[in-house]
Amino acid sequence: MGVKLFLIRHGQTEWNAQGRYQGEQDTILTETGIKQARLAKKYLSRVNFANFYSSPKKRALQTANIIADGLNIKINIREDLKELNFGKWEGLTFENINTSYKQDYQNWLSDPYNNAPPGGESFKVLLERAGSEINKIVNENPEGSNVGVVTHGGVIVALLINWLQIPSQCWRSLIQRQGAINVVVIDKKFPYISQINYTGHLQPVYDENEDKVIEIYSKLKDKE
């Protein structure tokens, strides 16, 4: 049945809570982020993981260490699972960027695959490195394996858009909350996606505050 990937976005950081871009920055989890990782561990407690992989960034490694604790498996750190490099936008809020880099930001919001942040990476470059790494991970594990991969929102969105073959301009249509779990089986190079942005393990009831990023993008994006 191929290799089953559990793609997990890291838990919340202080910069997540403040709405700051943090791609290359090595931020750590907040107490909320630690709780999210623990809840993800509980949700995945019946999964027999063959291997676990993580981005080298502290927020991802913290999340991975919490989830894999007690499983007696090594966490494989892969450089190409790290988040998009946001260049000069690192540490700035959505609003700061839209004020100081208005045209660049609007171009990026419209098509981040062909427009990179100043001094940073495009989604095209991100997909090339992260997609190649995921292919390596799949090839390293035998059929029927369950594999955990803790990475970042941008990485997961880029992979999903590629697998679903939807227009890259629709990237904002795919939301990845902190601590979200995505399940994808790669079988004969074909992706079977059974779960996207699952967060039922994090809240007993729906919390609309979790979708605040949609409101932010809606306000910032100029009409097309």
C-alpha atoms as a PDB file:
ATOM      1  CA  MET A   1       0.000   0.000   0.000  1.00  0.00           C
ATOM      2  CA  GLY A   2       2.930   2.334  -0.352  1.00  0.00           C
ATOM      3  CA  VAL A   3       4.359   4.563   2.379  1.00  0.00           C
ATOM      4  CA  LYS A   4       2.013   6.490   4.661  1.00  0.00           C
ATOM      5  CA  LEU A   5       3.289   9.969   5.533  1.00  0.00           C
ATOM      6  CA  PHE A   6       2.025  11.838   8.572  1.00  0.00           C
ATOM      7  CA  LEU A   7       2.923  15.442   7.707  1.00  0.00           C
ATOM      8  CA  ILE A   8       2.724  17.476  10.904  1.00  0.00           C
ATOM      9  CA  ARG A   9       3.068  21.219  11.200  1.00  0.00           C
ATOM     10  CA  HIS A  10       5.030  22.289  14.278  1.00  0.00           C
ATOM     11  CA  GLY A  11       3.242  23.780  17.281  1.00  0.00           C
ATOM     12  CA  GLN A  12       2.750  27.459  17.978  1.00  0.00           C
ATOM     13  CA  THR A  13       5.681  29.825  18.541  1.00  0.00           C
ATOM     14  CA  GLU A  14       5.651  33.357  19.912  1.00  0.00           C
ATOM     15  CA  TRP A  15       6.101  34.689  16.394  1.00  0.00           C
ATOM     16  CA  ASN A  16       3.130  32.622  15.192  1.00  0.00           C
ATOM     17  CA  ALA A  17       1.046  34.225  17.936  1.00  0.00           C
ATOM     18  CA  GLN A  18       2.276  37.679  16.902  1.00  0.00           C
ATOM     19  CA  GLY A  19       1.714  37.080  13.178  1.00  0.00           C
ATOM     20  CA  ARG A  20       5.401  37.376  12.235  1.00  0.00           C
ATOM     21  CA  TYR A  21       7.178  35.630   9.368  1.00  0.00           C
ATOM     22  CA  GLN A  22       9.803  33.294  10.820  1.00  0.00           C
ATOM     23  CA  GLY A  23      11.044  31.013   8.024  1.00  0.00           C
ATOM     24  CA  GLU A  24      14.805  30.840   8.677  1.00  0.00           C
ATOM     25  CA  GLN A  25      14.562  32.072  12.260  1.00  0.00           C
ATOM     26  CA  ASP A  26      15.074  29.455  14.965  1.00  0.00           C
ATOM     27  CA  THR A  27      12.091  30.150  17.201  1.00  0.00           C
ATOM     28  CA  ILE A  28      10.882  27.807  19.946  1.00  0.00           C
ATOM     29  CA  LEU A  29       7.448  26.605  21.018  1.00  0.00           C
ATOM     30  CA  THR A  30       5.188  28.480  23.397  1.00  0.00           C
ATOM     31  CA  GLU A  31       3.340  26.626  26.160  1.00  0.00           C
ATOM     32  CA  THR A  32       0.428  26.405  23.723  1.00  0.00           C
ATOM     33  CA  GLY A  33       2.747  24.921  21.108  1.00  0.00           C
ATOM     34  CA  ILE A  34       4.010  22.317  23.559  1.00  0.00           C
ATOM     35  CA  LYS A  35       0.419  21.406  24.429  1.00  0.00           C
ATOM     36  CA  GLN A  36      -0.406  21.076  20.721  1.00  0.00           C
ATOM     37  CA  ALA A  37       2.517  18.684  20.238  1.00  0.00           C
ATOM     38  CA  ARG A  38       1.409  16.596  23.219  1.00  0.00           C
ATOM     39  CA  LEU A  39      -2.127  16.394  21.859  1.00  0.00           C
ATOM     40  CA  ALA A  40      -0.759  15.340  18.463  1.00  0.00           C
ATOM     41  CA  LYS A  41       1.219  12.603  20.231  1.00  0.00           C
ATOM     42  CA  LYS A  42      -1.942  11.371  21.950  1.00  0.00           C
ATOM     43  CA  TYR A  43      -3.895  11.377  18.674  1.00  0.00           C
ATOM     44  CA  LEU A  44      -1.150   9.399  16.930  1.00  0.00           C
ATOM     45  CA  SER A  45      -0.555   7.018  19.835  1.00  0.00           C
ATOM     46  CA  ARG A  46      -1.842   3.960  17.942  1.00  0.00           C
ATOM     47  CA  VAL A  47       0.358   4.548  14.897  1.00  0.00           C
ATOM     48  CA  ASN A  48       3.325   2.198  14.621  1.00  0.00           C
ATOM     49  CA  PHE A  49       5.952   4.549  13.211  1.00  0.00           C
ATOM     50  CA  ALA A  50       8.839   2.992  11.299  1.00  0.00           C
ATOM     51  CA  ASN A  51      10.734   6.285  11.058  1.00  0.00           C
ATOM     52  CA  PHE A  52      10.463   9.904  12.103  1.00  0.00           C
ATOM     53  CA  TYR A  53      11.882  12.927  10.267  1.00  0.00           C
ATOM     54  CA  SER A  54      12.087  16.607  11.119  1.00  0.00           C
ATOM     55  CA  SER A  55      13.141  19.999   9.872  1.00  0.00           C
ATOM     56  CA  PRO A  56      16.287  21.197  11.687  1.00  0.00           C
ATOM     57  CA  LYS A  57      14.482  24.249  13.098  1.00  0.00           C
ATOM     58  CA  LYS A  58      13.990  24.194  16.876  1.00  0.00           C
ATOM     59  CA  ARG A  59      10.204  24.608  16.684  1.00  0.00           C
ATOM     60  CA  ALA A  60       9.942  21.524  14.470  1.00  0.00           C
ATOM     61  CA  LEU A  61      12.464  19.475  16.454  1.00  0.00           C
ATOM     62  CA  GLN A  62      10.690  20.274  19.720  1.00  0.00           C
ATOM     63  CA  THR A  63       7.426  19.092  18.208  1.00  0.00           C
ATOM     64  CA  ALA A  64       9.032  15.947  16.797  1.00  0.00           C
ATOM     65  CA  ASN A  65      10.759  15.093  20.091  1.00  0.00           C
ATOM     66  CA  ILE A  66       7.494  15.373  22.002  1.00  0.00           C
ATOM     67  CA  ILE A  67       5.564  13.198  19.548  1.00  0.00           C
ATOM     68  CA  ALA A  68       8.317  10.579  19.189  1.00  0.00           C
ATOM     69  CA  ASP A  69       9.137  10.415  22.905  1.00  0.00           C
ATOM     70  CA  GLY A  70       9.052   6.807  24.094  1.00  0.00           C
ATOM     71  CA  LEU A  71       8.844   5.323  20.598  1.00  0.00           C
ATOM     72  CA  ASN A  72      12.470   4.175  20.637  1.00  0.00           C
ATOM     73  CA  ILE A  73      13.143   5.570  17.165  1.00  0.00           C
ATOM     74  CA  LYS A  74      15.706   8.115  16.033  1.00  0.00           C
ATOM     75  CA  ILE A  75      14.540  11.452  14.659  1.00  0.00           C
ATOM     76  CA  ASN A  76      16.194  11.990  11.283  1.00  0.00           C
ATOM     77  CA  ILE A  77      16.952  15.689  10.745  1.00  0.00           C
ATOM     78  CA  ARG A  78      16.661  16.806   7.125  1.00  0.00           C
ATOM     79  CA  GLU A  79      17.819  20.274   6.112  1.00  0.00           C
ATOM     80  CA  ASP A  80      15.504  20.466   3.105  1.00  0.00           C
ATOM     81  CA  LEU A  81      12.405  20.135   5.307  1.00  0.00           C
ATOM     82  CA  LYS A  82      13.011  23.642   6.714  1.00  0.00           C
ATOM     83  CA  GLU A  83      10.592  26.492   6.057  1.00  0.00           C
ATOM     84  CA  LEU A  84      10.695  28.980   3.191  1.00  0.00           C
ATOM     85  CA  ASN A  85      13.386  31.636   3.551  1.00  0.00           C
ATOM     86  CA  PHE A  86      11.465  34.911   3.775  1.00  0.00           C
ATOM     87  CA  GLY A  87      14.561  37.070   3.311  1.00  0.00           C
ATOM     88  CA  LYS A  88      14.026  40.691   4.371  1.00  0.00           C
ATOM     89  CA  TRP A  89      10.530  39.840   5.611  1.00  0.00           C
ATOM     90  CA  GLU A  90      11.789  37.652   8.461  1.00  0.00           C
ATOM     91  CA  GLY A  91      10.498  38.915  11.803  1.00  0.00           C
ATOM     92  CA  LEU A  92       8.020  41.343  10.229  1.00  0.00           C
ATOM     93  CA  THR A  93       4.244  41.146  10.600  1.00  0.00           C
ATOM     94  CA  PHE A  94       1.852  40.799   7.661  1.00  0.00           C
ATOM     95  CA  GLU A  95       0.929  44.463   8.022  1.00  0.00           C
ATOM     96  CA  ASN A  96       4.568  45.627   8.268  1.00  0.00           C
ATOM     97  CA  ILE A  97       5.425  43.830   5.038  1.00  0.00           C
ATOM     98  CA  ASN A  98       2.394  45.141   3.191  1.00  0.00           C
ATOM     99  CA  THR A  99       3.369  48.679   4.211  1.00  0.00           C
ATOM    100  CA  SER A 100       7.133  48.539   3.579  1.00  0.00           C
ATOM    101  CA  TYR A 101       7.185  46.122   0.611  1.00  0.00           C
ATOM    102  CA  LYS A 102       3.718  46.744  -0.842  1.00  0.00           C
ATOM    103  CA  GLN A 103       4.255  45.761  -4.485  1.00  0.00           C
ATOM    104  CA  ASP A 104       6.616  42.871  -3.730  1.00  0.00           C
ATOM    105  CA  TYR A 105       4.161  41.513  -1.167  1.00  0.00           C
ATOM    106  CA  GLN A 106       1.146  41.801  -3.468  1.00  0.00           C
ATOM    107  CA  ASN A 107       3.097  40.024  -6.217  1.00  0.00           C
ATOM    108  CA  TRP A 108       4.044  37.287  -3.751  1.00  0.00           C
ATOM    109  CA  LEU A 109       0.486  36.879  -2.488  1.00  0.00           C
ATOM    110  CA  SER A 110      -0.706  36.496  -6.096  1.00  0.00           C
ATOM    111  CA  ASP A 111       1.978  34.017  -7.144  1.00  0.00           C
ATOM    112  CA  PRO A 112       4.626  33.003  -4.606  1.00  0.00           C
ATOM    113  CA  TYR A 113       5.926  30.317  -6.963  1.00  0.00           C
ATOM    114  CA  ASN A 114       7.402  32.853  -9.355  1.00  0.00           C
ATOM    115  CA  ASN A 115       7.867  35.774  -6.946  1.00  0.00           C
ATOM    116  CA  ALA A 116      10.272  35.456  -4.031  1.00  0.00           C
ATOM    117  CA  PRO A 117      10.498  37.765  -1.013  1.00  0.00           C
ATOM    118  CA  PRO A 118      13.474  40.154  -1.348  1.00  0.00           C
ATOM    119  CA  GLY A 119      16.541  38.100  -0.451  1.00  0.00           C
ATOM    120  CA  GLY A 120      14.451  34.960   0.079  1.00  0.00           C
ATOM    121  CA  GLU A 121      13.118  31.882  -1.723  1.00  0.00           C
ATOM    122  CA  SER A 122      10.204  31.379  -4.075  1.00  0.00           C
ATOM    123  CA  PHE A 123       7.728  28.555  -3.491  1.00  0.00           C
ATOM    124  CA  LYS A 124       9.135  26.974  -6.663  1.00  0.00           C
ATOM    125  CA  VAL A 125      12.558  26.648  -5.033  1.00  0.00           C
ATOM    126  CA  LEU A 126      10.941  25.447  -1.790  1.00  0.00           C
ATOM    127  CA  LEU A 127       8.984  22.750  -3.631  1.00  0.00           C
ATOM    128  CA  GLU A 128      12.060  21.556  -5.518  1.00  0.00           C
ATOM    129  CA  ARG A 129      14.066  20.952  -2.358  1.00  0.00           C
ATOM    130  CA  ALA A 130      11.226  19.743  -0.112  1.00  0.00           C
ATOM    131  CA  GLY A 131       9.695  17.575  -2.849  1.00  0.00           C
ATOM    132  CA  SER A 132      13.047  15.958  -3.517  1.00  0.00           C
ATOM    133  CA  GLU A 133      13.490  15.288   0.210  1.00  0.00           C
ATOM    134  CA  ILE A 134      10.049  13.703   0.514  1.00  0.00           C
ATOM    135  CA  ASN A 135      10.853  11.421  -2.442  1.00  0.00           C
ATOM    136  CA  LYS A 136      14.052  10.363  -0.659  1.00  0.00           C
ATOM    137  CA  ILE A 137      12.106   9.650   2.529  1.00  0.00           C
ATOM    138  CA  VAL A 138       9.559   7.527   0.656  1.00  0.00           C
ATOM    139  CA  ASN A 139      12.340   5.564  -1.051  1.00  0.00           C
ATOM    140  CA  GLU A 140      14.083   4.967   2.282  1.00  0.00           C
ATOM    141  CA  ASN A 141      11.081   3.217   3.790  1.00  0.00           C
ATOM    142  CA  PRO A 142       9.499  -0.100   2.765  1.00  0.00           C
ATOM    143  CA  GLU A 143       5.908  -0.412   1.599  1.00  0.00           C
ATOM    144  CA  GLY A 144       3.401  -0.395   4.408  1.00  0.00           C
ATOM    145  CA  SER A 145       5.543   1.882   6.592  1.00  0.00           C
ATOM    146  CA  ASN A 146       4.122   4.691   8.713  1.00  0.00           C
ATOM    147  CA  VAL A 147       6.443   7.686   8.636  1.00  0.00           C
ATOM    148  CA  GLY A 148       6.222  10.856  10.719  1.00  0.00           C
ATOM    149  CA  VAL A 149       7.445  14.124   9.183  1.00  0.00           C
ATOM    150  CA  VAL A 150       7.431  17.317  11.249  1.00  0.00           C
ATOM    151  CA  THR A 151       7.893  20.392   9.104  1.00  0.00           C
ATOM    152  CA  HIS A 152       6.390  23.828   8.377  1.00  0.00           C
ATOM    153  CA  GLY A 153       3.229  25.329   6.944  1.00  0.00           C
ATOM    154  CA  GLY A 154       4.821  26.558   3.730  1.00  0.00           C
ATOM    155  CA  VAL A 155       6.432  23.193   3.046  1.00  0.00           C
ATOM    156  CA  ILE A 156       3.164  21.298   3.551  1.00  0.00           C
ATOM    157  CA  VAL A 157       1.160  23.735   1.395  1.00  0.00           C
ATOM    158  CA  ALA A 158       3.718  23.502  -1.440  1.00  0.00           C
ATOM    159  CA  LEU A 159       3.604  19.686  -1.334  1.00  0.00           C
ATOM    160  CA  LEU A 160      -0.201  19.552  -1.272  1.00  0.00           C
ATOM    161  CA  ILE A 161      -0.539  21.940  -4.221  1.00  0.00           C
ATOM    162  CA  ASN A 162       1.881  19.797  -6.196  1.00  0.00           C
ATOM    163  CA  TRP A 163       0.141  16.526  -5.324  1.00  0.00           C
ATOM    164  CA  LEU A 164      -3.342  17.928  -5.985  1.00  0.00           C
ATOM    165  CA  GLN A 165      -2.149  19.665  -9.167  1.00  0.00           C
ATOM    166  CA  ILE A 166      -4.120  22.807  -8.444  1.00  0.00           C
ATOM    167  CA  PRO A 167      -3.053  26.225  -9.786  1.00  0.00           C
ATOM    168  CA  SER A 168      -0.195  27.662  -7.754  1.00  0.00           C
ATOM    169  CA  GLN A 169      -2.068  30.972  -7.513  1.00  0.00           C
ATOM    170  CA  CYS A 170      -4.568  29.143  -5.255  1.00  0.00           C
ATOM    171  CA  TRP A 171      -1.972  28.492  -2.555  1.00  0.00           C
ATOM    172  CA  ARG A 172      -3.861  30.627  -0.041  1.00  0.00           C
ATOM    173  CA  SER A 173      -6.833  28.272  -0.384  1.00  0.00           C
ATOM    174  CA  LEU A 174      -4.963  25.661   1.668  1.00  0.00           C
ATOM    175  CA  ILE A 175      -4.716  26.508   5.363  1.00  0.00           C
ATOM    176  CA  GLN A 176      -2.264  24.836   7.730  1.00  0.00           C
ATOM    177  CA  ARG A 177      -2.870  25.541  11.408  1.00  0.00           C
ATOM    178  CA  GLN A 178      -0.172  25.062  14.018  1.00  0.00           C
ATOM    179  CA  GLY A 179      -0.113  21.427  15.126  1.00  0.00           C
ATOM    180  CA  ALA A 180      -2.160  20.281  12.128  1.00  0.00           C
ATOM    181  CA  ILE A 181      -1.842  16.705  10.840  1.00  0.00           C
ATOM    182  CA  ASN A 182      -2.000  15.678   7.174  1.00  0.00           C
ATOM    183  CA  VAL A 183      -2.029  12.044   6.042  1.00  0.00           C
ATOM    184  CA  VAL A 184      -0.795  11.043   2.582  1.00  0.00           C
ATOM    185  CA  VAL A 185      -0.039   7.591   1.195  1.00  0.00           C
ATOM    186  CA  ILE A 186       2.507   7.583  -1.634  1.00  0.00           C
ATOM    187  CA  ASP A 187       1.952   4.412  -3.654  1.00  0.00           C
ATOM    188  CA  LYS A 188       3.743   3.870  -6.975  1.00  0.00           C
ATOM    189  CA  LYS A 189       4.514   7.625  -6.925  1.00  0.00           C
ATOM    190  CA  PHE A 190       0.798   8.462  -6.698  1.00  0.00           C
ATOM    191  CA  PRO A 191      -0.465  10.458  -3.667  1.00  0.00           C
ATOM    192  CA  TYR A 192      -3.616   9.335  -1.841  1.00  0.00           C
ATOM    193  CA  ILE A 193      -4.519  12.173   0.508  1.00  0.00           C
ATOM    194  CA  SER A 194      -6.855  11.147   3.315  1.00  0.00           C
ATOM    195  CA  GLN A 195      -6.422  14.049   5.746  1.00  0.00           C
ATOM    196  CA  ILE A 196      -5.611  17.742   5.267  1.00  0.00           C
ATOM    197  CA  ASN A 197      -5.106  20.271   8.082  1.00  0.00           C
ATOM    198  CA  TYR A 198      -6.719  18.008  10.691  1.00  0.00           C
ATOM    199  CA  THR A 199      -6.856  19.745  14.086  1.00  0.00           C
ATOM    200  CA  GLY A 200      -9.666  17.863  15.849  1.00  0.00           C
ATOM    201  CA  HIS A 201      -7.126  16.679  18.408  1.00  0.00           C
ATOM    202  CA  LEU A 202      -6.385  20.257  19.510  1.00  0.00           C
ATOM    203  CA  GLN A 203      -9.826  21.581  20.451  1.00  0.00           C
ATOM    204  CA  PRO A 204     -12.906  19.811  21.864  1.00  0.00           C
ATOM    205  CA  VAL A 205     -15.098  22.172  19.827  1.00  0.00           C
ATOM    206  CA  TYR A 206     -14.547  24.367  16.775  1.00  0.00           C
ATOM    207  CA  ASP A 207     -12.790  27.654  17.517  1.00  0.00           C
ATOM    208  CA  GLU A 208     -13.178  30.267  14.785  1.00  0.00           C
ATOM    209  CA  ASN A 209     -10.126  32.144  16.090  1.00  0.00           C
ATOM    210  CA  GLU A 210      -8.030  29.418  14.491  1.00  0.00           C
ATOM    211  CA  ASP A 211      -9.007  30.791  11.076  1.00  0.00           C
ATOM    212  CA  LYS A 212      -7.805  34.336  11.731  1.00  0.00           C
ATOM    213  CA  VAL A 213      -5.109  33.980   9.045  1.00  0.00           C
ATOM    214  CA  ILE A 214      -7.897  33.897   6.441  1.00  0.00           C
ATOM    215  CA  GLU A 215      -9.181  37.256   7.632  1.00  0.00           C
ATOM    216  CA  ILE A 216      -5.632  38.662   7.579  1.00  0.00           C
ATOM    217  CA  TYR A 217      -4.977  37.590   3.989  1.00  0.00           C
ATOM    218  CA  SER A 218      -8.429  38.795   2.936  1.00  0.00           C
ATOM    219  CA  LYS A 219      -7.729  42.273   4.280  1.00  0.00           C
ATOM    220  CA  LEU A 220      -4.204  42.524   2.868  1.00  0.00           C
ATOM    221  CA  LYS A 221      -4.706  41.152  -0.625  1.00  0.00           C
ATOM    222  CA  ASP A 222      -5.620  43.773  -3.216  1.00  0.00           C
ATOM    223  CA  LYS A 223      -8.599  42.942  -5.396  1.00  0.00           C
ATOM    224  CA  GLU A 224      -7.631  41.106  -8.582  1.00  0.00           C
END
